[in-house]
């Protein structure tokens, strides 16, 4: 199939492009390169020996999106801002980009008759869940601006499906992506100071005199630090590819699925596992909690 990957130059997006190319799809990437890089796309091409078609554009730009949708069978929507901490500082930017971008994308899809979507949602929509592991039927009560934008984006997708019976979507609520392509040529390399744990661990391990700041040591967890479900980026990429096969066979509506391992790991457990795997000691300090973070 011909697939449009919005946000395809980012961390998950670039790994997803590799998987989609390897299973035989033709891939067109739509990205504004605010966080993703052309270098990641070049590496995806080198890994697969195949070529990506690249369109630079903002997901909120409907006029730019419509020609990018020409000949496309399905869309994978990963073009969203994703930092819990940043969303607390810049709520308007998150609502504008995440919710506004989804509205613009769905309008362009309707105009061009593209009826299949795989949407990259987040387990952040559950907020401080009372049952862990969290099932798809758990109530949605996000505690962060980021999580609330993801919930709103899901609502926009559901409303489109209700108004357009021929439209079908798979919404994937995934937990914490980590890891890299096994070639070692593609991984997570955020610009500036990263908010998520694994690249901060890697930088602390690789920088002389550096220490890791652990946000909060008094959570109701076994060691007082946050517990998360860390899922490998390659598994997430394969799940998105499987979701494409699912959505093209669908008769319509929205299917919602969690993507995770079902196993929780605390910050300190991950730190000690990283130390054991790398052979390097990582100093750390416990600092104040971050706004929007939850225990598990």
C-alpha atoms as a PDB file:
ATOM      1  CA  UNK A   1       0.000   0.000   0.000  1.00  0.00           C
ATOM      2  CA  UNK A   2       0.876   3.668  -0.245  1.00  0.00           C
ATOM      3  CA  UNK A   3       1.012   5.036   3.302  1.00  0.00           C
ATOM      4  CA  UNK A   4       1.352   8.564   4.654  1.00  0.00           C
ATOM      5  CA  UNK A   5       3.234   8.763   7.969  1.00  0.00           C
ATOM      6  CA  UNK A   6       2.631  12.127   9.640  1.00  0.00           C
ATOM      7  CA  UNK A   7       5.518  12.696  12.036  1.00  0.00           C
ATOM      8  CA  UNK A   8       7.615  10.055  10.297  1.00  0.00           C
ATOM      9  CA  UNK A   9      10.960  11.753  10.969  1.00  0.00           C
ATOM     10  CA  UNK A  10      10.689  11.436  14.740  1.00  0.00           C
ATOM     11  CA  UNK A  11      11.890   8.718  17.108  1.00  0.00           C
ATOM     12  CA  UNK A  12       9.006   6.271  16.730  1.00  0.00           C
ATOM     13  CA  UNK A  13       8.166   7.523  13.229  1.00  0.00           C
ATOM     14  CA  UNK A  14      11.589   6.720  11.768  1.00  0.00           C
ATOM     15  CA  UNK A  15      11.560   3.200  13.250  1.00  0.00           C
ATOM     16  CA  UNK A  16       8.041   2.761  11.906  1.00  0.00           C
ATOM     17  CA  UNK A  17       9.181   3.810   8.421  1.00  0.00           C
ATOM     18  CA  UNK A  18      11.838   1.069   8.519  1.00  0.00           C
ATOM     19  CA  UNK A  19       9.256  -1.564   9.454  1.00  0.00           C
ATOM     20  CA  UNK A  20       6.739  -0.423   6.830  1.00  0.00           C
ATOM     21  CA  UNK A  21       9.368  -0.374   4.076  1.00  0.00           C
ATOM     22  CA  UNK A  22      10.632  -3.810   5.068  1.00  0.00           C
ATOM     23  CA  UNK A  23       7.177  -5.381   4.805  1.00  0.00           C
ATOM     24  CA  UNK A  24       6.745  -3.905   1.320  1.00  0.00           C
ATOM     25  CA  UNK A  25       4.718  -0.717   1.698  1.00  0.00           C
ATOM     26  CA  UNK A  26       5.533   2.531  -0.103  1.00  0.00           C
ATOM     27  CA  UNK A  27       5.944   5.305   2.454  1.00  0.00           C
ATOM     28  CA  UNK A  28       5.472   9.056   2.163  1.00  0.00           C
ATOM     29  CA  UNK A  29       6.622  11.032   5.221  1.00  0.00           C
ATOM     30  CA  UNK A  30       4.935  14.289   6.197  1.00  0.00           C
ATOM     31  CA  UNK A  31       6.882  16.197   8.864  1.00  0.00           C
ATOM     32  CA  UNK A  32       7.717  19.762   9.846  1.00  0.00           C
ATOM     33  CA  UNK A  33      11.129  18.685  11.266  1.00  0.00           C
ATOM     34  CA  UNK A  34      10.569  20.600  14.497  1.00  0.00           C
ATOM     35  CA  UNK A  35      11.735  17.528  16.430  1.00  0.00           C
ATOM     36  CA  UNK A  36      12.383  14.888  13.748  1.00  0.00           C
ATOM     37  CA  UNK A  37      15.414  14.962  11.470  1.00  0.00           C
ATOM     38  CA  UNK A  38      16.243  14.262   7.852  1.00  0.00           C
ATOM     39  CA  UNK A  39      19.230  12.309   9.128  1.00  0.00           C
ATOM     40  CA  UNK A  40      16.885   9.783  10.742  1.00  0.00           C
ATOM     41  CA  UNK A  41      15.071   9.334   7.423  1.00  0.00           C
ATOM     42  CA  UNK A  42      18.376   8.893   5.574  1.00  0.00           C
ATOM     43  CA  UNK A  43      19.345   6.198   8.044  1.00  0.00           C
ATOM     44  CA  UNK A  44      15.970   4.482   7.601  1.00  0.00           C
ATOM     45  CA  UNK A  45      16.626   4.404   3.852  1.00  0.00           C
ATOM     46  CA  UNK A  46      20.142   3.039   4.393  1.00  0.00           C
ATOM     47  CA  UNK A  47      18.875   0.269   6.669  1.00  0.00           C
ATOM     48  CA  UNK A  48      16.180  -0.853   4.220  1.00  0.00           C
ATOM     49  CA  UNK A  49      17.810  -0.062   0.878  1.00  0.00           C
ATOM     50  CA  UNK A  50      14.587   1.665  -0.129  1.00  0.00           C
ATOM     51  CA  UNK A  51      13.568   5.272  -0.730  1.00  0.00           C
ATOM     52  CA  UNK A  52      11.166   7.392   1.288  1.00  0.00           C
ATOM     53  CA  UNK A  53       9.122  10.169  -0.270  1.00  0.00           C
ATOM     54  CA  UNK A  54       9.342  13.226   1.982  1.00  0.00           C
ATOM     55  CA  UNK A  55       6.988  16.210   2.185  1.00  0.00           C
ATOM     56  CA  UNK A  56       7.858  19.001   4.614  1.00  0.00           C
ATOM     57  CA  UNK A  57       4.813  20.597   6.164  1.00  0.00           C
ATOM     58  CA  UNK A  58       2.860  21.425   9.305  1.00  0.00           C
ATOM     59  CA  UNK A  59       0.072  18.997  10.204  1.00  0.00           C
ATOM     60  CA  UNK A  60      -2.222  21.977  10.791  1.00  0.00           C
ATOM     61  CA  UNK A  61      -1.798  23.109   7.163  1.00  0.00           C
ATOM     62  CA  UNK A  62      -4.740  21.589   5.312  1.00  0.00           C
ATOM     63  CA  UNK A  63      -3.727  23.076   1.968  1.00  0.00           C
ATOM     64  CA  UNK A  64      -0.320  21.390   2.260  1.00  0.00           C
ATOM     65  CA  UNK A  65      -1.798  18.122   3.512  1.00  0.00           C
ATOM     66  CA  UNK A  66      -4.260  17.564   0.669  1.00  0.00           C
ATOM     67  CA  UNK A  67      -1.708  17.004  -2.136  1.00  0.00           C
ATOM     68  CA  UNK A  68       0.363  14.869   0.268  1.00  0.00           C
ATOM     69  CA  UNK A  69      -2.660  12.545   0.560  1.00  0.00           C
ATOM     70  CA  UNK A  70      -2.844  11.886  -3.197  1.00  0.00           C
ATOM     71  CA  UNK A  71      -2.868   8.156  -3.931  1.00  0.00           C
ATOM     72  CA  UNK A  72      -2.630   7.229  -0.251  1.00  0.00           C
ATOM     73  CA  UNK A  73      -4.470   4.144   1.063  1.00  0.00           C
ATOM     74  CA  UNK A  74      -4.063   4.894   4.786  1.00  0.00           C
ATOM     75  CA  UNK A  75      -2.562   7.425   7.188  1.00  0.00           C
ATOM     76  CA  UNK A  76      -0.506   6.904  10.337  1.00  0.00           C
ATOM     77  CA  UNK A  77      -0.780   9.979  12.553  1.00  0.00           C
ATOM     78  CA  UNK A  78       2.192  10.466  14.898  1.00  0.00           C
ATOM     79  CA  UNK A  79       2.549  14.238  14.501  1.00  0.00           C
ATOM     80  CA  UNK A  80       2.026  15.446  18.060  1.00  0.00           C
ATOM     81  CA  UNK A  81       3.985  17.156  20.786  1.00  0.00           C
ATOM     82  CA  UNK A  82       4.595  14.600  23.542  1.00  0.00           C
ATOM     83  CA  UNK A  83       6.279  16.023  26.661  1.00  0.00           C
ATOM     84  CA  UNK A  84       4.212  15.975  29.865  1.00  0.00           C
ATOM     85  CA  UNK A  85       6.474  18.558  31.483  1.00  0.00           C
ATOM     86  CA  UNK A  86       6.516  20.897  28.484  1.00  0.00           C
ATOM     87  CA  UNK A  87       2.747  20.662  28.103  1.00  0.00           C
ATOM     88  CA  UNK A  88       2.367  22.162  31.588  1.00  0.00           C
ATOM     89  CA  UNK A  89       4.504  25.132  30.507  1.00  0.00           C
ATOM     90  CA  UNK A  90       2.998  25.537  27.019  1.00  0.00           C
ATOM     91  CA  UNK A  91      -0.630  24.344  27.164  1.00  0.00           C
ATOM     92  CA  UNK A  92      -1.856  26.504  24.268  1.00  0.00           C
ATOM     93  CA  UNK A  93       0.878  25.220  21.940  1.00  0.00           C
ATOM     94  CA  UNK A  94      -0.023  21.620  22.781  1.00  0.00           C
ATOM     95  CA  UNK A  95      -3.725  22.121  22.162  1.00  0.00           C
ATOM     96  CA  UNK A  96      -3.048  23.997  18.937  1.00  0.00           C
ATOM     97  CA  UNK A  97      -0.644  21.450  17.504  1.00  0.00           C
ATOM     98  CA  UNK A  98      -2.140  18.212  18.803  1.00  0.00           C
ATOM     99  CA  UNK A  99      -5.867  18.860  18.636  1.00  0.00           C
ATOM    100  CA  UNK A 100      -5.775  21.438  15.839  1.00  0.00           C
ATOM    101  CA  UNK A 101      -3.477  19.253  13.769  1.00  0.00           C
ATOM    102  CA  UNK A 102      -5.774  16.247  14.124  1.00  0.00           C
ATOM    103  CA  UNK A 103      -8.801  18.288  13.064  1.00  0.00           C
ATOM    104  CA  UNK A 104      -6.933  19.588  10.001  1.00  0.00           C
ATOM    105  CA  UNK A 105      -5.667  16.119   9.070  1.00  0.00           C
ATOM    106  CA  UNK A 106      -9.100  14.518   9.293  1.00  0.00           C
ATOM    107  CA  UNK A 107     -10.642  17.323   7.228  1.00  0.00           C
ATOM    108  CA  UNK A 108      -7.984  16.827   4.531  1.00  0.00           C
ATOM    109  CA  UNK A 109      -8.539  13.055   4.597  1.00  0.00           C
ATOM    110  CA  UNK A 110     -12.286  13.551   4.119  1.00  0.00           C
ATOM    111  CA  UNK A 111     -11.682  15.978   1.249  1.00  0.00           C
ATOM    112  CA  UNK A 112      -9.341  13.498  -0.486  1.00  0.00           C
ATOM    113  CA  UNK A 113     -11.431  10.405   0.298  1.00  0.00           C
ATOM    114  CA  UNK A 114      -8.754   8.681   2.430  1.00  0.00           C
ATOM    115  CA  UNK A 115     -10.777   6.577   4.838  1.00  0.00           C
ATOM    116  CA  UNK A 116      -8.268   4.631   6.952  1.00  0.00           C
ATOM    117  CA  UNK A 117      -6.270   5.950   9.928  1.00  0.00           C
ATOM    118  CA  UNK A 118      -3.922   4.538  12.564  1.00  0.00           C
ATOM    119  CA  UNK A 119      -3.736   7.090  15.361  1.00  0.00           C
ATOM    120  CA  UNK A 120      -0.864   7.304  17.818  1.00  0.00           C
ATOM    121  CA  UNK A 121      -2.520   7.939  21.176  1.00  0.00           C
ATOM    122  CA  UNK A 122      -1.075   7.466  24.666  1.00  0.00           C
ATOM    123  CA  UNK A 123      -1.656   5.689  27.952  1.00  0.00           C
ATOM    124  CA  UNK A 124      -1.496   9.203  29.440  1.00  0.00           C
ATOM    125  CA  UNK A 125      -5.256   9.368  28.764  1.00  0.00           C
ATOM    126  CA  UNK A 126      -5.787   7.088  31.792  1.00  0.00           C
ATOM    127  CA  UNK A 127      -4.083   9.411  34.252  1.00  0.00           C
ATOM    128  CA  UNK A 128      -3.625   8.047  37.769  1.00  0.00           C
ATOM    129  CA  UNK A 129      -5.207   4.647  37.153  1.00  0.00           C
ATOM    130  CA  UNK A 130      -6.640   2.614  40.028  1.00  0.00           C
ATOM    131  CA  UNK A 131      -5.911  -0.728  38.315  1.00  0.00           C
ATOM    132  CA  UNK A 132      -2.422  -1.608  37.084  1.00  0.00           C
ATOM    133  CA  UNK A 133      -1.799  -2.967  34.442  1.00  0.00           C
ATOM    134  CA  UNK A 134      -4.377  -0.648  32.908  1.00  0.00           C
ATOM    135  CA  UNK A 135      -7.063  -2.200  30.662  1.00  0.00           C
ATOM    136  CA  UNK A 136      -8.635  -0.382  27.715  1.00  0.00           C
ATOM    137  CA  UNK A 137     -11.908  -0.159  29.648  1.00  0.00           C
ATOM    138  CA  UNK A 138     -10.363   1.949  32.432  1.00  0.00           C
ATOM    139  CA  UNK A 139     -11.859   5.420  32.903  1.00  0.00           C
ATOM    140  CA  UNK A 140     -10.116   8.280  31.123  1.00  0.00           C
ATOM    141  CA  UNK A 141      -8.949  10.937  33.553  1.00  0.00           C
ATOM    142  CA  UNK A 142      -5.663  12.391  32.330  1.00  0.00           C
ATOM    143  CA  UNK A 143      -3.653  14.458  34.816  1.00  0.00           C
ATOM    144  CA  UNK A 144      -1.502  16.398  32.309  1.00  0.00           C
ATOM    145  CA  UNK A 145      -2.202  18.848  29.509  1.00  0.00           C
ATOM    146  CA  UNK A 146      -0.516  16.374  27.154  1.00  0.00           C
ATOM    147  CA  UNK A 147      -2.823  13.565  28.266  1.00  0.00           C
ATOM    148  CA  UNK A 148      -5.878  15.777  27.899  1.00  0.00           C
ATOM    149  CA  UNK A 149      -4.888  16.692  24.338  1.00  0.00           C
ATOM    150  CA  UNK A 150      -4.563  12.993  23.489  1.00  0.00           C
ATOM    151  CA  UNK A 151      -8.010  12.330  24.933  1.00  0.00           C
ATOM    152  CA  UNK A 152      -9.416  15.218  22.886  1.00  0.00           C
ATOM    153  CA  UNK A 153      -7.678  13.904  19.760  1.00  0.00           C
ATOM    154  CA  UNK A 154      -9.317  10.510  20.319  1.00  0.00           C
ATOM    155  CA  UNK A 155     -12.689  12.247  20.625  1.00  0.00           C
ATOM    156  CA  UNK A 156     -12.119  14.086  17.345  1.00  0.00           C
ATOM    157  CA  UNK A 157     -11.305  10.769  15.614  1.00  0.00           C
ATOM    158  CA  UNK A 158     -14.426   9.136  17.116  1.00  0.00           C
ATOM    159  CA  UNK A 159     -16.610  12.043  15.999  1.00  0.00           C
ATOM    160  CA  UNK A 160     -15.231  11.763  12.458  1.00  0.00           C
ATOM    161  CA  UNK A 161     -16.018   8.031  12.446  1.00  0.00           C
ATOM    162  CA  UNK A 162     -19.579   8.698  13.654  1.00  0.00           C
ATOM    163  CA  UNK A 163     -20.156  11.296  10.932  1.00  0.00           C
ATOM    164  CA  UNK A 164     -18.476   9.292   8.132  1.00  0.00           C
ATOM    165  CA  UNK A 165     -19.599   5.632   8.184  1.00  0.00           C
ATOM    166  CA  UNK A 166     -16.970   4.586   5.603  1.00  0.00           C
ATOM    167  CA  UNK A 167     -14.149   5.850   7.843  1.00  0.00           C
ATOM    168  CA  UNK A 168     -12.229   3.427  10.088  1.00  0.00           C
ATOM    169  CA  UNK A 169      -9.473   4.035  12.614  1.00  0.00           C
ATOM    170  CA  UNK A 170      -7.301   2.140  15.076  1.00  0.00           C
ATOM    171  CA  UNK A 171      -6.285   4.185  18.114  1.00  0.00           C
ATOM    172  CA  UNK A 172      -3.146   2.869  19.823  1.00  0.00           C
ATOM    173  CA  UNK A 173      -2.617   3.895  23.438  1.00  0.00           C
ATOM    174  CA  UNK A 174       0.978   3.048  24.115  1.00  0.00           C
ATOM    175  CA  UNK A 175       3.076   3.296  27.192  1.00  0.00           C
ATOM    176  CA  UNK A 176       6.763   4.333  27.327  1.00  0.00           C
ATOM    177  CA  UNK A 177       8.764   3.705  24.125  1.00  0.00           C
ATOM    178  CA  UNK A 178      12.449   2.875  24.634  1.00  0.00           C
ATOM    179  CA  UNK A 179      15.297   1.285  22.709  1.00  0.00           C
ATOM    180  CA  UNK A 180      16.757   1.477  19.239  1.00  0.00           C
ATOM    181  CA  UNK A 181      16.959  -0.380  15.954  1.00  0.00           C
ATOM    182  CA  UNK A 182      19.197  -3.481  16.297  1.00  0.00           C
ATOM    183  CA  UNK A 183      21.526  -2.133  13.592  1.00  0.00           C
ATOM    184  CA  UNK A 184      22.590   0.620  15.998  1.00  0.00           C
ATOM    185  CA  UNK A 185      22.091   3.178  13.210  1.00  0.00           C
ATOM    186  CA  UNK A 186      18.745   4.503  14.397  1.00  0.00           C
ATOM    187  CA  UNK A 187      17.596   5.363  17.906  1.00  0.00           C
ATOM    188  CA  UNK A 188      16.407   8.106  20.215  1.00  0.00           C
ATOM    189  CA  UNK A 189      18.381  11.360  20.039  1.00  0.00           C
ATOM    190  CA  UNK A 190      16.207  14.265  21.209  1.00  0.00           C
ATOM    191  CA  UNK A 191      17.197  17.850  20.674  1.00  0.00           C
ATOM    192  CA  UNK A 192      18.053  19.807  23.799  1.00  0.00           C
ATOM    193  CA  UNK A 193      17.418  18.440  27.278  1.00  0.00           C
ATOM    194  CA  UNK A 194      15.260  15.287  27.041  1.00  0.00           C
ATOM    195  CA  UNK A 195      12.208  14.891  29.296  1.00  0.00           C
ATOM    196  CA  UNK A 196      11.960  11.099  29.121  1.00  0.00           C
ATOM    197  CA  UNK A 197      14.110   8.770  31.161  1.00  0.00           C
ATOM    198  CA  UNK A 198      16.062   6.542  28.771  1.00  0.00           C
ATOM    199  CA  UNK A 199      17.939   9.281  26.840  1.00  0.00           C
ATOM    200  CA  UNK A 200      18.641  11.054  30.144  1.00  0.00           C
ATOM    201  CA  UNK A 201      20.136   7.813  31.471  1.00  0.00           C
ATOM    202  CA  UNK A 202      22.249   7.436  28.347  1.00  0.00           C
ATOM    203  CA  UNK A 203      23.548  11.006  28.604  1.00  0.00           C
ATOM    204  CA  UNK A 204      24.343  10.612  32.303  1.00  0.00           C
ATOM    205  CA  UNK A 205      26.238   7.390  31.556  1.00  0.00           C
ATOM    206  CA  UNK A 206      28.202   8.995  28.740  1.00  0.00           C
ATOM    207  CA  UNK A 207      29.083  12.353  30.310  1.00  0.00           C
ATOM    208  CA  UNK A 208      31.884  12.605  32.859  1.00  0.00           C
ATOM    209  CA  UNK A 209      30.723  14.139  36.124  1.00  0.00           C
ATOM    210  CA  UNK A 210      27.042  14.027  35.156  1.00  0.00           C
ATOM    211  CA  UNK A 211      24.273  12.747  37.421  1.00  0.00           C
ATOM    212  CA  UNK A 212      20.670  11.785  36.786  1.00  0.00           C
ATOM    213  CA  UNK A 213      17.896  13.845  38.333  1.00  0.00           C
ATOM    214  CA  UNK A 214      15.128  11.547  39.588  1.00  0.00           C
ATOM    215  CA  UNK A 215      11.877  13.484  39.845  1.00  0.00           C
ATOM    216  CA  UNK A 216      10.278  12.391  43.098  1.00  0.00           C
ATOM    217  CA  UNK A 217      11.286   9.719  45.598  1.00  0.00           C
ATOM    218  CA  UNK A 218       8.130   9.594  47.729  1.00  0.00           C
ATOM    219  CA  UNK A 219       5.583   7.995  45.391  1.00  0.00           C
ATOM    220  CA  UNK A 220       3.505   5.039  46.709  1.00  0.00           C
ATOM    221  CA  UNK A 221       5.683   2.518  44.835  1.00  0.00           C
ATOM    222  CA  UNK A 222       8.141  -0.137  46.113  1.00  0.00           C
ATOM    223  CA  UNK A 223      11.156   2.222  46.038  1.00  0.00           C
ATOM    224  CA  UNK A 224       9.377   5.592  45.982  1.00  0.00           C
ATOM    225  CA  UNK A 225      10.134   6.380  42.327  1.00  0.00           C
ATOM    226  CA  UNK A 226       7.699   6.363  39.400  1.00  0.00           C
ATOM    227  CA  UNK A 227       6.822   3.013  37.813  1.00  0.00           C
ATOM    228  CA  UNK A 228       6.290   2.782  34.051  1.00  0.00           C
ATOM    229  CA  UNK A 229       5.698   0.136  31.398  1.00  0.00           C
ATOM    230  CA  UNK A 230       8.690   0.388  29.047  1.00  0.00           C
ATOM    231  CA  UNK A 231       7.999  -1.122  25.607  1.00  0.00           C
ATOM    232  CA  UNK A 232      10.600  -1.514  22.883  1.00  0.00           C
ATOM    233  CA  UNK A 233      10.296   0.851  19.936  1.00  0.00           C
ATOM    234  CA  UNK A 234      10.627  -2.046  17.473  1.00  0.00           C
ATOM    235  CA  UNK A 235       7.622  -3.776  19.059  1.00  0.00           C
ATOM    236  CA  UNK A 236       5.635  -0.546  18.748  1.00  0.00           C
ATOM    237  CA  UNK A 237       6.603  -0.207  15.093  1.00  0.00           C
ATOM    238  CA  UNK A 238       5.475  -3.770  14.384  1.00  0.00           C
ATOM    239  CA  UNK A 239       2.207  -3.122  16.208  1.00  0.00           C
ATOM    240  CA  UNK A 240       1.520  -0.083  14.009  1.00  0.00           C
ATOM    241  CA  UNK A 241       2.199  -2.177  10.906  1.00  0.00           C
ATOM    242  CA  UNK A 242      -0.235  -4.809  12.190  1.00  0.00           C
ATOM    243  CA  UNK A 243      -2.797  -2.082  12.893  1.00  0.00           C
ATOM    244  CA  UNK A 244      -2.634  -1.056   9.220  1.00  0.00           C
ATOM    245  CA  UNK A 245      -3.601  -4.604   8.231  1.00  0.00           C
ATOM    246  CA  UNK A 246      -6.428  -4.457  10.767  1.00  0.00           C
ATOM    247  CA  UNK A 247      -7.853  -1.096   9.746  1.00  0.00           C
ATOM    248  CA  UNK A 248      -7.911  -1.811   6.001  1.00  0.00           C
ATOM    249  CA  UNK A 249     -10.146  -4.836   6.702  1.00  0.00           C
ATOM    250  CA  UNK A 250     -12.446  -2.885   9.014  1.00  0.00           C
ATOM    251  CA  UNK A 251     -16.010  -2.015   8.063  1.00  0.00           C
ATOM    252  CA  UNK A 252     -15.798   1.286   9.930  1.00  0.00           C
ATOM    253  CA  UNK A 253     -15.633   2.756  13.421  1.00  0.00           C
ATOM    254  CA  UNK A 254     -12.751   3.016  15.876  1.00  0.00           C
ATOM    255  CA  UNK A 255     -10.818   0.180  17.511  1.00  0.00           C
ATOM    256  CA  UNK A 256      -8.830   1.164  20.616  1.00  0.00           C
ATOM    257  CA  UNK A 257      -5.900  -0.914  21.881  1.00  0.00           C
ATOM    258  CA  UNK A 258      -3.189  -0.562  24.513  1.00  0.00           C
ATOM    259  CA  UNK A 259       0.413  -1.307  23.537  1.00  0.00           C
ATOM    260  CA  UNK A 260       2.635  -2.359  26.411  1.00  0.00           C
ATOM    261  CA  UNK A 261       4.314  -5.279  28.131  1.00  0.00           C
ATOM    262  CA  UNK A 262       2.094  -5.369  31.215  1.00  0.00           C
ATOM    263  CA  UNK A 263       5.176  -5.202  33.448  1.00  0.00           C
ATOM    264  CA  UNK A 264       6.134  -2.156  35.489  1.00  0.00           C
ATOM    265  CA  UNK A 265       9.681  -0.914  36.130  1.00  0.00           C
ATOM    266  CA  UNK A 266      10.620   1.878  38.525  1.00  0.00           C
ATOM    267  CA  UNK A 267      13.087   4.650  37.721  1.00  0.00           C
ATOM    268  CA  UNK A 268      15.696   3.191  40.063  1.00  0.00           C
ATOM    269  CA  UNK A 269      15.167  -0.337  38.745  1.00  0.00           C
ATOM    270  CA  UNK A 270      15.765   0.915  35.212  1.00  0.00           C
ATOM    271  CA  UNK A 271      18.801   2.881  36.345  1.00  0.00           C
ATOM    272  CA  UNK A 272      20.363  -0.181  37.990  1.00  0.00           C
ATOM    273  CA  UNK A 273      19.578  -2.364  34.949  1.00  0.00           C
ATOM    274  CA  UNK A 274      21.252   0.263  32.746  1.00  0.00           C
ATOM    275  CA  UNK A 275      24.298   0.242  35.013  1.00  0.00           C
ATOM    276  CA  UNK A 276      24.543  -3.541  34.821  1.00  0.00           C
ATOM    277  CA  UNK A 277      24.178  -3.609  31.027  1.00  0.00           C
ATOM    278  CA  UNK A 278      26.628  -0.755  30.373  1.00  0.00           C
ATOM    279  CA  UNK A 279      29.169  -1.459  33.098  1.00  0.00           C
ATOM    280  CA  UNK A 280      29.007   2.183  34.190  1.00  0.00           C
ATOM    281  CA  UNK A 281      27.904   3.622  37.488  1.00  0.00           C
ATOM    282  CA  UNK A 282      25.320   6.404  37.143  1.00  0.00           C
ATOM    283  CA  UNK A 283      25.161   8.888  40.037  1.00  0.00           C
ATOM    284  CA  UNK A 284      21.696  10.249  40.753  1.00  0.00           C
ATOM    285  CA  UNK A 285      19.890  12.711  42.977  1.00  0.00           C
ATOM    286  CA  UNK A 286      16.267  12.793  44.076  1.00  0.00           C
ATOM    287  CA  UNK A 287      14.613  16.124  43.282  1.00  0.00           C
ATOM    288  CA  UNK A 288      11.051  17.469  43.460  1.00  0.00           C
ATOM    289  CA  UNK A 289       8.232  15.813  41.562  1.00  0.00           C
ATOM    290  CA  UNK A 290       7.313  17.174  38.115  1.00  0.00           C
ATOM    291  CA  UNK A 291       3.830  18.577  37.444  1.00  0.00           C
ATOM    292  CA  UNK A 292       1.601  15.998  35.738  1.00  0.00           C
ATOM    293  CA  UNK A 293       3.629  12.924  36.679  1.00  0.00           C
ATOM    294  CA  UNK A 294       1.767  10.009  38.246  1.00  0.00           C
ATOM    295  CA  UNK A 295       2.967   7.157  40.467  1.00  0.00           C
ATOM    296  CA  UNK A 296       2.390   4.222  38.094  1.00  0.00           C
END
